[in-house]
Protein backbone atom coordinates (compact mmCIF):
# COMPACT_ATOMS: atom_id res chain seq x y z
CA UNK A 1 0.01 -0.01 -0.01
CA UNK A 2 1.51 3.38 -1.01
CA UNK A 3 2.26 5.91 1.71
CA UNK A 4 0.55 9.12 0.56
CA UNK A 5 1.09 11.20 3.68
CA UNK A 6 2.40 14.76 2.98
CA UNK A 7 3.41 17.74 4.99
CA UNK A 8 4.17 21.22 3.77
CA UNK A 9 6.09 23.93 5.61
CA UNK A 10 6.74 27.60 4.64
CA UNK A 11 9.96 28.97 6.19
CA UNK A 12 9.11 32.48 7.42
CA UNK A 13 12.77 33.41 7.41
CA UNK A 14 13.06 32.74 3.64
CA UNK A 15 9.57 33.79 2.43
CA UNK A 16 9.49 37.21 0.79
CA UNK A 17 5.73 37.31 0.33
CA UNK A 18 5.83 37.34 -3.48
CA UNK A 19 2.59 35.30 -3.75
CA UNK A 20 3.76 32.88 -6.43
CA UNK A 21 2.78 29.93 -4.21
CA UNK A 22 -0.78 31.28 -3.84
CA UNK A 23 -1.03 31.85 -7.65
CA UNK A 24 0.22 28.28 -8.39
CA UNK A 25 -1.64 26.49 -5.65
CA UNK A 26 -4.44 28.64 -4.16
CA UNK A 27 -6.05 25.60 -2.49
CA UNK A 28 -3.04 25.28 -0.21
CA UNK A 29 -1.43 28.74 0.30
CA UNK A 30 -2.45 32.22 1.27
CA UNK A 31 -0.57 35.41 2.09
CA UNK A 32 -1.22 36.28 5.69
CA UNK A 33 -1.66 39.72 7.39
CA UNK A 34 2.12 39.93 7.79
CA UNK A 35 2.57 39.54 4.04
CA UNK A 36 4.09 36.05 4.32
CA UNK A 37 2.73 32.82 2.89
CA UNK A 38 1.22 30.14 5.09
CA UNK A 39 -0.42 26.79 4.45
CA UNK A 40 -4.20 26.82 4.63
CA UNK A 41 -4.96 23.16 3.70
CA UNK A 42 -4.76 20.47 6.35
CA UNK A 43 -2.40 17.52 5.84
CA UNK A 44 -5.16 15.29 4.58
CA UNK A 45 -6.27 17.87 2.02
CA UNK A 46 -2.94 18.97 0.43
CA UNK A 47 -3.34 19.01 -3.33
CA UNK A 48 -0.64 17.85 -5.71
CA UNK A 49 0.10 21.41 -6.79
CA UNK A 50 2.02 22.00 -3.48
CA UNK A 51 5.03 20.41 -5.22
CA UNK A 52 4.75 22.78 -8.17
CA UNK A 53 4.42 25.73 -5.78
CA UNK A 54 7.57 24.58 -3.91
CA UNK A 55 9.44 24.44 -7.21
CA UNK A 56 8.20 27.87 -8.27
CA UNK A 57 9.21 29.66 -4.98
CA UNK A 58 12.13 31.91 -5.81
CA UNK A 59 13.52 31.75 -2.26
CA UNK A 60 13.06 27.91 -1.79
CA UNK A 61 10.92 28.76 1.27
CA UNK A 62 8.44 25.85 0.79
CA UNK A 63 9.40 22.34 1.88
CA UNK A 64 7.28 19.34 0.93
CA UNK A 65 7.79 16.01 2.71
CA UNK A 66 6.06 12.85 1.53
CA UNK A 67 5.63 9.31 2.65
CA UNK A 68 7.43 8.23 5.81
CA UNK A 69 9.49 11.44 5.82
CA UNK A 70 6.23 13.34 6.39
CA UNK A 71 6.33 12.09 9.95
CA UNK A 72 2.60 12.03 10.42
């Protein structure tokens, strides 16, 4: 049976609030009041576009862990 657990983390020290993650994957990311991105989807609801958003982040601020590495 495949392990489809996934966790996503936005590093606030690296995020510059450009909003690319929200454009690429609005189901999972929003810019907060402080102008930085945060994850709005729960671990069980993370769409596949989180990987694309992580790759598009110019600062590499988004980490996606899957399977056993997700640690859920």
